[in-house]
Amino acid sequence: GVGAADPIGVVQEEVRRRSRGHLPVYVGEEMERFVVSAELLNHPIFVKLLNKSAQEYGYEQKGVLRIPCHVFLFERVLETLRIGGEARDLQEILNSLCDEL
């Protein structure tokens, strides 16, 4: 089993149970639903978001995975990753996340 103190392991376990390697996440206070590739979960930005999620909502979230991030920032992260953004672009987003988090 996966330990409760390992939010990334919990998410990876959920991904293994789902087909096609995609996972729904709910972002921001408005709980907007996004479906993200499981491959993205190992990216440093997602690791940071998952750790923040565990701190804010607890390590044993039931039902849905919530990401404590403004929707527009999350969309920016996804778009930058989708187009293969440069490291400096990701660093800028990461700095924005740090300011927010």
PDB file of N, CA and C in Angstrom:
ATOM      1  N   GLY A   1       0.804  -1.192   0.000  1.00  0.00           N
ATOM      2  CA  GLY A   1       0.000   0.000   0.000  1.00  0.00           C
ATOM      3  C   GLY A   1       0.840   1.245   0.000  1.00  0.00           C
ATOM      4  N   VAL A   2       0.200   2.352  -0.237  1.00  0.00           N
ATOM      5  CA  VAL A   2       0.864   3.638  -0.270  1.00  0.00           C
ATOM      6  C   VAL A   2       0.612   4.344   1.048  1.00  0.00           C
ATOM      7  N   GLY A   3       1.672   4.905   1.634  1.00  0.00           N
ATOM      8  CA  GLY A   3       1.529   5.588   2.902  1.00  0.00           C
ATOM      9  C   GLY A   3       0.730   6.869   2.788  1.00  0.00           C
ATOM     10  N   ALA A   4       0.000   7.192   3.848  1.00  0.00           N
ATOM     11  CA  ALA A   4      -0.832   8.390   3.843  1.00  0.00           C
ATOM     12  C   ALA A   4       0.014   9.653   3.770  1.00  0.00           C
ATOM     13  N   ALA A   5       1.273   9.589   4.187  1.00  0.00           N
ATOM     14  CA  ALA A   5       2.133  10.765   4.173  1.00  0.00           C
ATOM     15  C   ALA A   5       2.827  10.960   2.832  1.00  0.00           C
ATOM     16  N   ASP A   6       2.373  10.268   1.809  1.00  0.00           N
ATOM     17  CA  ASP A   6       2.996  10.331   0.481  1.00  0.00           C
ATOM     18  C   ASP A   6       1.942  10.714  -0.553  1.00  0.00           C
ATOM     19  N   PRO A   7       1.639  12.033  -0.685  1.00  0.00           N
ATOM     20  CA  PRO A   7       0.559  12.427  -1.601  1.00  0.00           C
ATOM     21  C   PRO A   7       0.835  12.041  -3.041  1.00  0.00           C
ATOM     22  N   ILE A   8       2.092  12.074  -3.445  1.00  0.00           N
ATOM     23  CA  ILE A   8       2.420  11.709  -4.828  1.00  0.00           C
ATOM     24  C   ILE A   8       2.168  10.225  -5.037  1.00  0.00           C
ATOM     25  N   GLY A   9       2.532   9.405  -4.054  1.00  0.00           N
ATOM     26  CA  GLY A   9       2.271   7.969  -4.147  1.00  0.00           C
ATOM     27  C   GLY A   9       0.788   7.666  -4.214  1.00  0.00           C
ATOM     28  N   VAL A  10      -0.002   8.423  -3.448  1.00  0.00           N
ATOM     29  CA  VAL A  10      -1.457   8.242  -3.467  1.00  0.00           C
ATOM     30  C   VAL A  10      -1.990   8.552  -4.860  1.00  0.00           C
ATOM     31  N   VAL A  11      -1.524   9.655  -5.447  1.00  0.00           N
ATOM     32  CA  VAL A  11      -1.965  10.031  -6.787  1.00  0.00           C
ATOM     33  C   VAL A  11      -1.517   8.981  -7.800  1.00  0.00           C
ATOM     34  N   GLN A  12      -0.283   8.523  -7.694  1.00  0.00           N
ATOM     35  CA  GLN A  12       0.210   7.526  -8.646  1.00  0.00           C
ATOM     36  C   GLN A  12      -0.589   6.231  -8.533  1.00  0.00           C
ATOM     37  N   GLU A  13      -0.991   5.866  -7.340  1.00  0.00           N
ATOM     38  CA  GLU A  13      -1.832   4.682  -7.150  1.00  0.00           C
ATOM     39  C   GLU A  13      -3.172   4.862  -7.858  1.00  0.00           C
ATOM     40  N   GLU A  14      -3.742   6.064  -7.723  1.00  0.00           N
ATOM     41  CA  GLU A  14      -5.010   6.364  -8.391  1.00  0.00           C
ATOM     42  C   GLU A  14      -4.839   6.283  -9.907  1.00  0.00           C
ATOM     43  N   VAL A  15      -3.729   6.805 -10.402  1.00  0.00           N
ATOM     44  CA  VAL A  15      -3.469   6.772 -11.848  1.00  0.00           C
ATOM     45  C   VAL A  15      -3.406   5.320 -12.337  1.00  0.00           C
ATOM     46  N   ARG A  16      -2.770   4.457 -11.573  1.00  0.00           N
ATOM     47  CA  ARG A  16      -2.657   3.046 -11.982  1.00  0.00           C
ATOM     48  C   ARG A  16      -4.032   2.397 -12.117  1.00  0.00           C
ATOM     49  N   ARG A  17      -4.983   2.874 -11.317  1.00  0.00           N
ATOM     50  CA  ARG A  17      -6.323   2.288 -11.357  1.00  0.00           C
ATOM     51  C   ARG A  17      -7.157   2.832 -12.511  1.00  0.00           C
ATOM     52  N   ARG A  18      -6.740   3.913 -13.096  1.00  0.00           N
ATOM     53  CA  ARG A  18      -7.507   4.528 -14.190  1.00  0.00           C
ATOM     54  C   ARG A  18      -6.884   4.155 -15.525  1.00  0.00           C
ATOM     55  N   SER A  19      -7.725   4.143 -16.551  1.00  0.00           N
ATOM     56  CA  SER A  19      -7.215   3.781 -17.870  1.00  0.00           C
ATOM     57  C   SER A  19      -6.643   4.995 -18.580  1.00  0.00           C
ATOM     58  N   ARG A  20      -5.815   4.745 -19.541  1.00  0.00           N
ATOM     59  CA  ARG A  20      -5.253   5.741 -20.443  1.00  0.00           C
ATOM     60  C   ARG A  20      -4.334   6.757 -19.787  1.00  0.00           C
ATOM     61  N   GLY A  21      -3.980   6.585 -18.537  1.00  0.00           N
ATOM     62  CA  GLY A  21      -2.986   7.440 -17.907  1.00  0.00           C
ATOM     63  C   GLY A  21      -3.368   8.893 -17.726  1.00  0.00           C
ATOM     64  N   HIS A  22      -4.646   9.170 -17.518  1.00  0.00           N
ATOM     65  CA  HIS A  22      -5.092  10.531 -17.250  1.00  0.00           C
ATOM     66  C   HIS A  22      -5.853  10.561 -15.931  1.00  0.00           C
ATOM     67  N   LEU A  23      -5.856  11.725 -15.304  1.00  0.00           N
ATOM     68  CA  LEU A  23      -6.398  11.853 -13.967  1.00  0.00           C
ATOM     69  C   LEU A  23      -7.138  13.184 -13.842  1.00  0.00           C
ATOM     70  N   PRO A  24      -8.349  13.177 -13.307  1.00  0.00           N
ATOM     71  CA  PRO A  24      -9.033  14.456 -13.087  1.00  0.00           C
ATOM     72  C   PRO A  24      -8.507  15.144 -11.827  1.00  0.00           C
ATOM     73  N   VAL A  25      -8.341  16.454 -11.913  1.00  0.00           N
ATOM     74  CA  VAL A  25      -7.991  17.257 -10.746  1.00  0.00           C
ATOM     75  C   VAL A  25      -8.949  18.449 -10.705  1.00  0.00           C
ATOM     76  N   TYR A  26      -9.178  18.955  -9.520  1.00  0.00           N
ATOM     77  CA  TYR A  26     -10.093  20.077  -9.323  1.00  0.00           C
ATOM     78  C   TYR A  26      -9.284  21.247  -8.776  1.00  0.00           C
ATOM     79  N   VAL A  27      -9.360  22.375  -9.491  1.00  0.00           N
ATOM     80  CA  VAL A  27      -8.444  23.478  -9.250  1.00  0.00           C
ATOM     81  C   VAL A  27      -9.173  24.692  -8.682  1.00  0.00           C
ATOM     82  N   GLY A  28      -8.532  25.300  -7.690  1.00  0.00           N
ATOM     83  CA  GLY A  28      -9.003  26.564  -7.140  1.00  0.00           C
ATOM     84  C   GLY A  28     -10.251  26.432  -6.286  1.00  0.00           C
ATOM     85  N   GLU A  29     -10.671  27.581  -5.766  1.00  0.00           N
ATOM     86  CA  GLU A  29     -11.865  27.602  -4.925  1.00  0.00           C
ATOM     87  C   GLU A  29     -13.108  27.214  -5.706  1.00  0.00           C
ATOM     88  N   GLU A  30     -13.088  27.495  -7.025  1.00  0.00           N
ATOM     89  CA  GLU A  30     -14.244  27.175  -7.853  1.00  0.00           C
ATOM     90  C   GLU A  30     -14.283  25.705  -8.265  1.00  0.00           C
ATOM     91  N   MET A  31     -13.247  24.946  -7.885  1.00  0.00           N
ATOM     92  CA  MET A  31     -13.184  23.498  -8.163  1.00  0.00           C
ATOM     93  C   MET A  31     -13.367  23.203  -9.657  1.00  0.00           C
ATOM     94  N   GLU A  32     -12.683  23.958 -10.516  1.00  0.00           N
ATOM     95  CA  GLU A  32     -12.766  23.704 -11.956  1.00  0.00           C
ATOM     96  C   GLU A  32     -12.048  22.403 -12.278  1.00  0.00           C
ATOM     97  N   ARG A  33     -12.697  21.561 -13.071  1.00  0.00           N
ATOM     98  CA  ARG A  33     -12.174  20.227 -13.374  1.00  0.00           C
ATOM     99  C   ARG A  33     -11.248  20.261 -14.589  1.00  0.00           C
ATOM    100  N   PHE A  34     -10.063  19.661 -14.419  1.00  0.00           N
ATOM    101  CA  PHE A  34      -9.109  19.467 -15.508  1.00  0.00           C
ATOM    102  C   PHE A  34      -8.744  17.993 -15.535  1.00  0.00           C
ATOM    103  N   VAL A  35      -8.472  17.471 -16.709  1.00  0.00           N
ATOM    104  CA  VAL A  35      -7.959  16.104 -16.829  1.00  0.00           C
ATOM    105  C   VAL A  35      -6.533  16.227 -17.330  1.00  0.00           C
ATOM    106  N   VAL A  36      -5.590  15.738 -16.523  1.00  0.00           N
ATOM    107  CA  VAL A  36      -4.174  15.896 -16.855  1.00  0.00           C
ATOM    108  C   VAL A  36      -3.528  14.537 -17.079  1.00  0.00           C
ATOM    109  N   SER A  37      -2.491  14.535 -17.888  1.00  0.00           N
ATOM    110  CA  SER A  37      -1.724  13.326 -18.141  1.00  0.00           C
ATOM    111  C   SER A  37      -0.966  12.923 -16.882  1.00  0.00           C
ATOM    112  N   ALA A  38      -0.947  11.644 -16.609  1.00  0.00           N
ATOM    113  CA  ALA A  38      -0.221  11.141 -15.439  1.00  0.00           C
ATOM    114  C   ALA A  38       1.261  11.485 -15.534  1.00  0.00           C
ATOM    115  N   GLU A  39       1.783  11.600 -16.742  1.00  0.00           N
ATOM    116  CA  GLU A  39       3.203  11.921 -16.919  1.00  0.00           C
ATOM    117  C   GLU A  39       3.554  13.269 -16.307  1.00  0.00           C
ATOM    118  N   LEU A  40       2.609  14.193 -16.294  1.00  0.00           N
ATOM    119  CA  LEU A  40       2.880  15.528 -15.759  1.00  0.00           C
ATOM    120  C   LEU A  40       3.076  15.519 -14.245  1.00  0.00           C
ATOM    121  N   LEU A  41       2.580  14.494 -13.576  1.00  0.00           N
ATOM    122  CA  LEU A  41       2.612  14.487 -12.112  1.00  0.00           C
ATOM    123  C   LEU A  41       4.021  14.431 -11.541  1.00  0.00           C
ATOM    124  N   ASN A  42       4.996  14.017 -12.340  1.00  0.00           N
ATOM    125  CA  ASN A  42       6.376  13.984 -11.863  1.00  0.00           C
ATOM    126  C   ASN A  42       7.110  15.295 -12.104  1.00  0.00           C
ATOM    127  N   HIS A  43       6.485  16.229 -12.813  1.00  0.00           N
ATOM    128  CA  HIS A  43       7.122  17.509 -13.079  1.00  0.00           C
ATOM    129  C   HIS A  43       7.237  18.298 -11.775  1.00  0.00           C
ATOM    130  N   PRO A  44       8.359  19.015 -11.577  1.00  0.00           N
ATOM    131  CA  PRO A  44       8.545  19.756 -10.311  1.00  0.00           C
ATOM    132  C   PRO A  44       7.399  20.702  -9.956  1.00  0.00           C
ATOM    133  N   ILE A  45       6.774  21.317 -10.952  1.00  0.00           N
ATOM    134  CA  ILE A  45       5.648  22.208 -10.653  1.00  0.00           C
ATOM    135  C   ILE A  45       4.486  21.410 -10.066  1.00  0.00           C
ATOM    136  N   PHE A  46       4.211  20.231 -10.637  1.00  0.00           N
ATOM    137  CA  PHE A  46       3.108  19.412 -10.122  1.00  0.00           C
ATOM    138  C   PHE A  46       3.449  18.830  -8.760  1.00  0.00           C
ATOM    139  N   VAL A  47       4.706  18.469  -8.553  1.00  0.00           N
ATOM    140  CA  VAL A  47       5.111  17.974  -7.237  1.00  0.00           C
ATOM    141  C   VAL A  47       4.859  19.054  -6.191  1.00  0.00           C
ATOM    142  N   LYS A  48       5.199  20.302  -6.525  1.00  0.00           N
ATOM    143  CA  LYS A  48       4.971  21.414  -5.602  1.00  0.00           C
ATOM    144  C   LYS A  48       3.467  21.595  -5.333  1.00  0.00           C
ATOM    145  N   LEU A  49       2.669  21.533  -6.394  1.00  0.00           N
ATOM    146  CA  LEU A  49       1.220  21.683  -6.228  1.00  0.00           C
ATOM    147  C   LEU A  49       0.629  20.544  -5.399  1.00  0.00           C
ATOM    148  N   LEU A  50       1.092  19.313  -5.633  1.00  0.00           N
ATOM    149  CA  LEU A  50       0.578  18.171  -4.873  1.00  0.00           C
ATOM    150  C   LEU A  50       0.949  18.269  -3.398  1.00  0.00           C
ATOM    151  N   ASN A  51       2.172  18.729  -3.135  1.00  0.00           N
ATOM    152  CA  ASN A  51       2.580  18.893  -1.743  1.00  0.00           C
ATOM    153  C   ASN A  51       1.758  19.982  -1.054  1.00  0.00           C
ATOM    154  N   LYS A  52       1.497  21.077  -1.779  1.00  0.00           N
ATOM    155  CA  LYS A  52       0.665  22.145  -1.223  1.00  0.00           C
ATOM    156  C   LYS A  52      -0.761  21.639  -0.987  1.00  0.00           C
ATOM    157  N   SER A  53      -1.252  20.827  -1.915  1.00  0.00           N
ATOM    158  CA  SER A  53      -2.578  20.242  -1.770  1.00  0.00           C
ATOM    159  C   SER A  53      -2.658  19.408  -0.492  1.00  0.00           C
ATOM    160  N   ALA A  54      -1.648  18.594  -0.266  1.00  0.00           N
ATOM    161  CA  ALA A  54      -1.628  17.743   0.923  1.00  0.00           C
ATOM    162  C   ALA A  54      -1.582  18.580   2.198  1.00  0.00           C
ATOM    163  N   GLN A  55      -0.815  19.670   2.166  1.00  0.00           N
ATOM    164  CA  GLN A  55      -0.733  20.539   3.342  1.00  0.00           C
ATOM    165  C   GLN A  55      -2.071  21.230   3.611  1.00  0.00           C
ATOM    166  N   GLU A  56      -2.710  21.677   2.536  1.00  0.00           N
ATOM    167  CA  GLU A  56      -3.939  22.458   2.706  1.00  0.00           C
ATOM    168  C   GLU A  56      -5.161  21.595   2.977  1.00  0.00           C
ATOM    169  N   TYR A  57      -5.270  20.457   2.274  1.00  0.00           N
ATOM    170  CA  TYR A  57      -6.490  19.645   2.348  1.00  0.00           C
ATOM    171  C   TYR A  57      -6.299  18.327   3.090  1.00  0.00           C
ATOM    172  N   GLY A  58      -5.070  18.017   3.487  1.00  0.00           N
ATOM    173  CA  GLY A  58      -4.805  16.771   4.187  1.00  0.00           C
ATOM    174  C   GLY A  58      -4.245  15.719   3.248  1.00  0.00           C
ATOM    175  N   TYR A  59      -3.561  14.777   3.831  1.00  0.00           N
ATOM    176  CA  TYR A  59      -2.887  13.734   3.049  1.00  0.00           C
ATOM    177  C   TYR A  59      -3.830  12.627   2.608  1.00  0.00           C
ATOM    178  N   GLU A  60      -5.021  12.605   3.147  1.00  0.00           N
ATOM    179  CA  GLU A  60      -5.945  11.517   2.820  1.00  0.00           C
ATOM    180  C   GLU A  60      -7.214  12.060   2.166  1.00  0.00           C
ATOM    181  N   GLN A  61      -7.040  12.838   1.111  1.00  0.00           N
ATOM    182  CA  GLN A  61      -8.204  13.357   0.390  1.00  0.00           C
ATOM    183  C   GLN A  61      -9.019  12.189  -0.154  1.00  0.00           C
ATOM    184  N   LYS A  62     -10.307  12.282  -0.026  1.00  0.00           N
ATOM    185  CA  LYS A  62     -11.195  11.225  -0.529  1.00  0.00           C
ATOM    186  C   LYS A  62     -11.958  11.734  -1.744  1.00  0.00           C
ATOM    187  N   GLY A  63     -12.076  10.910  -2.747  1.00  0.00           N
ATOM    188  CA  GLY A  63     -12.926  11.219  -3.890  1.00  0.00           C
ATOM    189  C   GLY A  63     -12.272  12.019  -4.990  1.00  0.00           C
ATOM    190  N   VAL A  64     -11.820  13.235  -4.684  1.00  0.00           N
ATOM    191  CA  VAL A  64     -11.246  14.084  -5.713  1.00  0.00           C
ATOM    192  C   VAL A  64      -9.902  14.625  -5.257  1.00  0.00           C
ATOM    193  N   LEU A  65      -9.074  14.949  -6.240  1.00  0.00           N
ATOM    194  CA  LEU A  65      -7.792  15.569  -5.945  1.00  0.00           C
ATOM    195  C   LEU A  65      -7.934  17.064  -6.197  1.00  0.00           C
ATOM    196  N   ARG A  66      -7.793  17.850  -5.137  1.00  0.00           N
ATOM    197  CA  ARG A  66      -7.917  19.299  -5.244  1.00  0.00           C
ATOM    198  C   ARG A  66      -6.534  19.926  -5.314  1.00  0.00           C
ATOM    199  N   ILE A  67      -6.404  20.932  -6.187  1.00  0.00           N
ATOM    200  CA  ILE A  67      -5.152  21.661  -6.338  1.00  0.00           C
ATOM    201  C   ILE A  67      -5.399  23.107  -5.903  1.00  0.00           C
ATOM    202  N   PRO A  68      -4.695  23.570  -4.854  1.00  0.00           N
ATOM    203  CA  PRO A  68      -4.904  24.926  -4.354  1.00  0.00           C
ATOM    204  C   PRO A  68      -4.107  25.938  -5.184  1.00  0.00           C
ATOM    205  N   CYS A  69      -4.670  26.348  -6.289  1.00  0.00           N
ATOM    206  CA  CYS A  69      -3.983  27.236  -7.228  1.00  0.00           C
ATOM    207  C   CYS A  69      -5.059  27.990  -7.992  1.00  0.00           C
ATOM    208  N   HIS A  70      -4.800  29.250  -8.328  1.00  0.00           N
ATOM    209  CA  HIS A  70      -5.764  29.967  -9.163  1.00  0.00           C
ATOM    210  C   HIS A  70      -5.862  29.276 -10.517  1.00  0.00           C
ATOM    211  N   VAL A  71      -7.072  29.210 -11.047  1.00  0.00           N
ATOM    212  CA  VAL A  71      -7.313  28.521 -12.316  1.00  0.00           C
ATOM    213  C   VAL A  71      -6.441  29.089 -13.430  1.00  0.00           C
ATOM    214  N   PHE A  72      -6.327  30.426 -13.501  1.00  0.00           N
ATOM    215  CA  PHE A  72      -5.543  31.002 -14.604  1.00  0.00           C
ATOM    216  C   PHE A  72      -4.076  30.603 -14.525  1.00  0.00           C
ATOM    217  N   LEU A  73      -3.528  30.485 -13.304  1.00  0.00           N
ATOM    218  CA  LEU A  73      -2.137  30.036 -13.168  1.00  0.00           C
ATOM    219  C   LEU A  73      -2.005  28.574 -13.572  1.00  0.00           C
ATOM    220  N   PHE A  74      -2.968  27.749 -13.173  1.00  0.00           N
ATOM    221  CA  PHE A  74      -2.932  26.334 -13.529  1.00  0.00           C
ATOM    222  C   PHE A  74      -3.003  26.171 -15.045  1.00  0.00           C
ATOM    223  N   GLU A  75      -3.876  26.948 -15.694  1.00  0.00           N
ATOM    224  CA  GLU A  75      -3.968  26.895 -17.157  1.00  0.00           C
ATOM    225  C   GLU A  75      -2.649  27.304 -17.798  1.00  0.00           C
ATOM    226  N   ARG A  76      -1.994  28.284 -17.213  1.00  0.00           N
ATOM    227  CA  ARG A  76      -0.698  28.736 -17.728  1.00  0.00           C
ATOM    228  C   ARG A  76       0.357  27.633 -17.599  1.00  0.00           C
ATOM    229  N   VAL A  77       0.351  26.939 -16.476  1.00  0.00           N
ATOM    230  CA  VAL A  77       1.263  25.808 -16.282  1.00  0.00           C
ATOM    231  C   VAL A  77       1.023  24.756 -17.364  1.00  0.00           C
ATOM    232  N   LEU A  78      -0.238  24.370 -17.556  1.00  0.00           N
ATOM    233  CA  LEU A  78      -0.561  23.344 -18.556  1.00  0.00           C
ATOM    234  C   LEU A  78      -0.146  23.767 -19.949  1.00  0.00           C
ATOM    235  N   GLU A  79      -0.429  25.012 -20.311  1.00  0.00           N
ATOM    236  CA  GLU A  79      -0.090  25.499 -21.645  1.00  0.00           C
ATOM    237  C   GLU A  79       1.422  25.516 -21.852  1.00  0.00           C
ATOM    238  N   THR A  80       2.160  25.975 -20.861  1.00  0.00           N
ATOM    239  CA  THR A  80       3.617  26.021 -20.976  1.00  0.00           C
ATOM    240  C   THR A  80       4.190  24.613 -21.140  1.00  0.00           C
ATOM    241  N   LEU A  81       3.664  23.670 -20.379  1.00  0.00           N
ATOM    242  CA  LEU A  81       4.129  22.288 -20.495  1.00  0.00           C
ATOM    243  C   LEU A  81       3.719  21.689 -21.835  1.00  0.00           C
ATOM    244  N   ARG A  82       2.521  22.021 -22.313  1.00  0.00           N
ATOM    245  CA  ARG A  82       2.025  21.465 -23.574  1.00  0.00           C
ATOM    246  C   ARG A  82       2.890  21.889 -24.751  1.00  0.00           C
ATOM    247  N   ILE A  83       3.314  23.150 -24.755  1.00  0.00           N
ATOM    248  CA  ILE A  83       4.100  23.631 -25.885  1.00  0.00           C
ATOM    249  C   ILE A  83       5.592  23.392 -25.687  1.00  0.00           C
ATOM    250  N   GLY A  84       5.940  22.684 -24.609  1.00  0.00           N
ATOM    251  CA  GLY A  84       7.355  22.408 -24.359  1.00  0.00           C
ATOM    252  C   GLY A  84       8.096  23.669 -23.969  1.00  0.00           C
ATOM    253  N   GLY A  85       7.484  24.438 -23.090  1.00  0.00           N
ATOM    254  CA  GLY A  85       8.059  25.717 -22.671  1.00  0.00           C
ATOM    255  C   GLY A  85       9.473  25.591 -22.158  1.00  0.00           C
ATOM    256  N   GLU A  86      10.194  26.678 -22.290  1.00  0.00           N
ATOM    257  CA  GLU A  86      11.576  26.708 -21.847  1.00  0.00           C
ATOM    258  C   GLU A  86      11.646  26.747 -20.324  1.00  0.00           C
ATOM    259  N   ALA A  87      12.816  26.367 -19.812  1.00  0.00           N
ATOM    260  CA  ALA A  87      13.018  26.322 -18.363  1.00  0.00           C
ATOM    261  C   ALA A  87      12.735  27.676 -17.717  1.00  0.00           C
ATOM    262  N   ARG A  88      13.114  28.782 -18.402  1.00  0.00           N
ATOM    263  CA  ARG A  88      12.884  30.096 -17.789  1.00  0.00           C
ATOM    264  C   ARG A  88      11.393  30.418 -17.712  1.00  0.00           C
ATOM    265  N   ASP A  89      10.598  29.936 -18.706  1.00  0.00           N
ATOM    266  CA  ASP A  89       9.149  30.137 -18.649  1.00  0.00           C
ATOM    267  C   ASP A  89       8.565  29.405 -17.446  1.00  0.00           C
ATOM    268  N   LEU A  90       9.014  28.164 -17.261  1.00  0.00           N
ATOM    269  CA  LEU A  90       8.529  27.372 -16.129  1.00  0.00           C
ATOM    270  C   LEU A  90       8.986  27.978 -14.811  1.00  0.00           C
ATOM    271  N   GLN A  91      10.208  28.518 -14.795  1.00  0.00           N
ATOM    272  CA  GLN A  91      10.708  29.148 -13.569  1.00  0.00           C
ATOM    273  C   GLN A  91       9.862  30.360 -13.207  1.00  0.00           C
ATOM    274  N   GLU A  92       9.454  31.125 -14.221  1.00  0.00           N
ATOM    275  CA  GLU A  92       8.597  32.291 -13.978  1.00  0.00           C
ATOM    276  C   GLU A  92       7.263  31.854 -13.362  1.00  0.00           C
ATOM    277  N   ILE A  93       6.692  30.786 -13.903  1.00  0.00           N
ATOM    278  CA  ILE A  93       5.425  30.271 -13.370  1.00  0.00           C
ATOM    279  C   ILE A  93       5.642  29.747 -11.956  1.00  0.00           C
ATOM    280  N   LEU A  94       6.739  29.025 -11.762  1.00  0.00           N
ATOM    281  CA  LEU A  94       7.050  28.482 -10.446  1.00  0.00           C
ATOM    282  C   LEU A  94       7.185  29.623  -9.430  1.00  0.00           C
ATOM    283  N   ASN A  95       7.819  30.726  -9.840  1.00  0.00           N
ATOM    284  CA  ASN A  95       7.937  31.892  -8.948  1.00  0.00           C
ATOM    285  C   ASN A  95       6.559  32.458  -8.620  1.00  0.00           C
ATOM    286  N   SER A  96       5.672  32.511  -9.609  1.00  0.00           N
ATOM    287  CA  SER A  96       4.300  32.975  -9.365  1.00  0.00           C
ATOM    288  C   SER A  96       3.600  32.069  -8.370  1.00  0.00           C
ATOM    289  N   LEU A  97       3.806  30.755  -8.539  1.00  0.00           N
ATOM    290  CA  LEU A  97       3.198  29.796  -7.614  1.00  0.00           C
ATOM    291  C   LEU A  97       3.758  29.983  -6.219  1.00  0.00           C
ATOM    292  N   CYS A  98       5.067  30.224  -6.121  1.00  0.00           N
ATOM    293  CA  CYS A  98       5.680  30.418  -4.810  1.00  0.00           C
ATOM    294  C   CYS A  98       5.098  31.644  -4.127  1.00  0.00           C
ATOM    295  N   ASP A  99       4.898  32.713  -4.915  1.00  0.00           N
ATOM    296  CA  ASP A  99       4.305  33.917  -4.352  1.00  0.00           C
ATOM    297  C   ASP A  99       2.899  33.634  -3.846  1.00  0.00           C
ATOM    298  N   GLU A 100       2.152  32.843  -4.641  1.00  0.00           N
ATOM    299  CA  GLU A 100       0.775  32.539  -4.283  1.00  0.00           C
ATOM    300  C   GLU A 100       0.710  31.564  -3.120  1.00  0.00           C
ATOM    301  N   LEU A 101       1.607  30.563  -3.145  1.00  0.00           N
ATOM    302  CA  LEU A 101       1.557  29.517  -2.134  1.00  0.00           C
ATOM    303  C   LEU A 101       2.223  30.017  -0.865  1.00  0.00           C
TER     304      LEU A 101
END
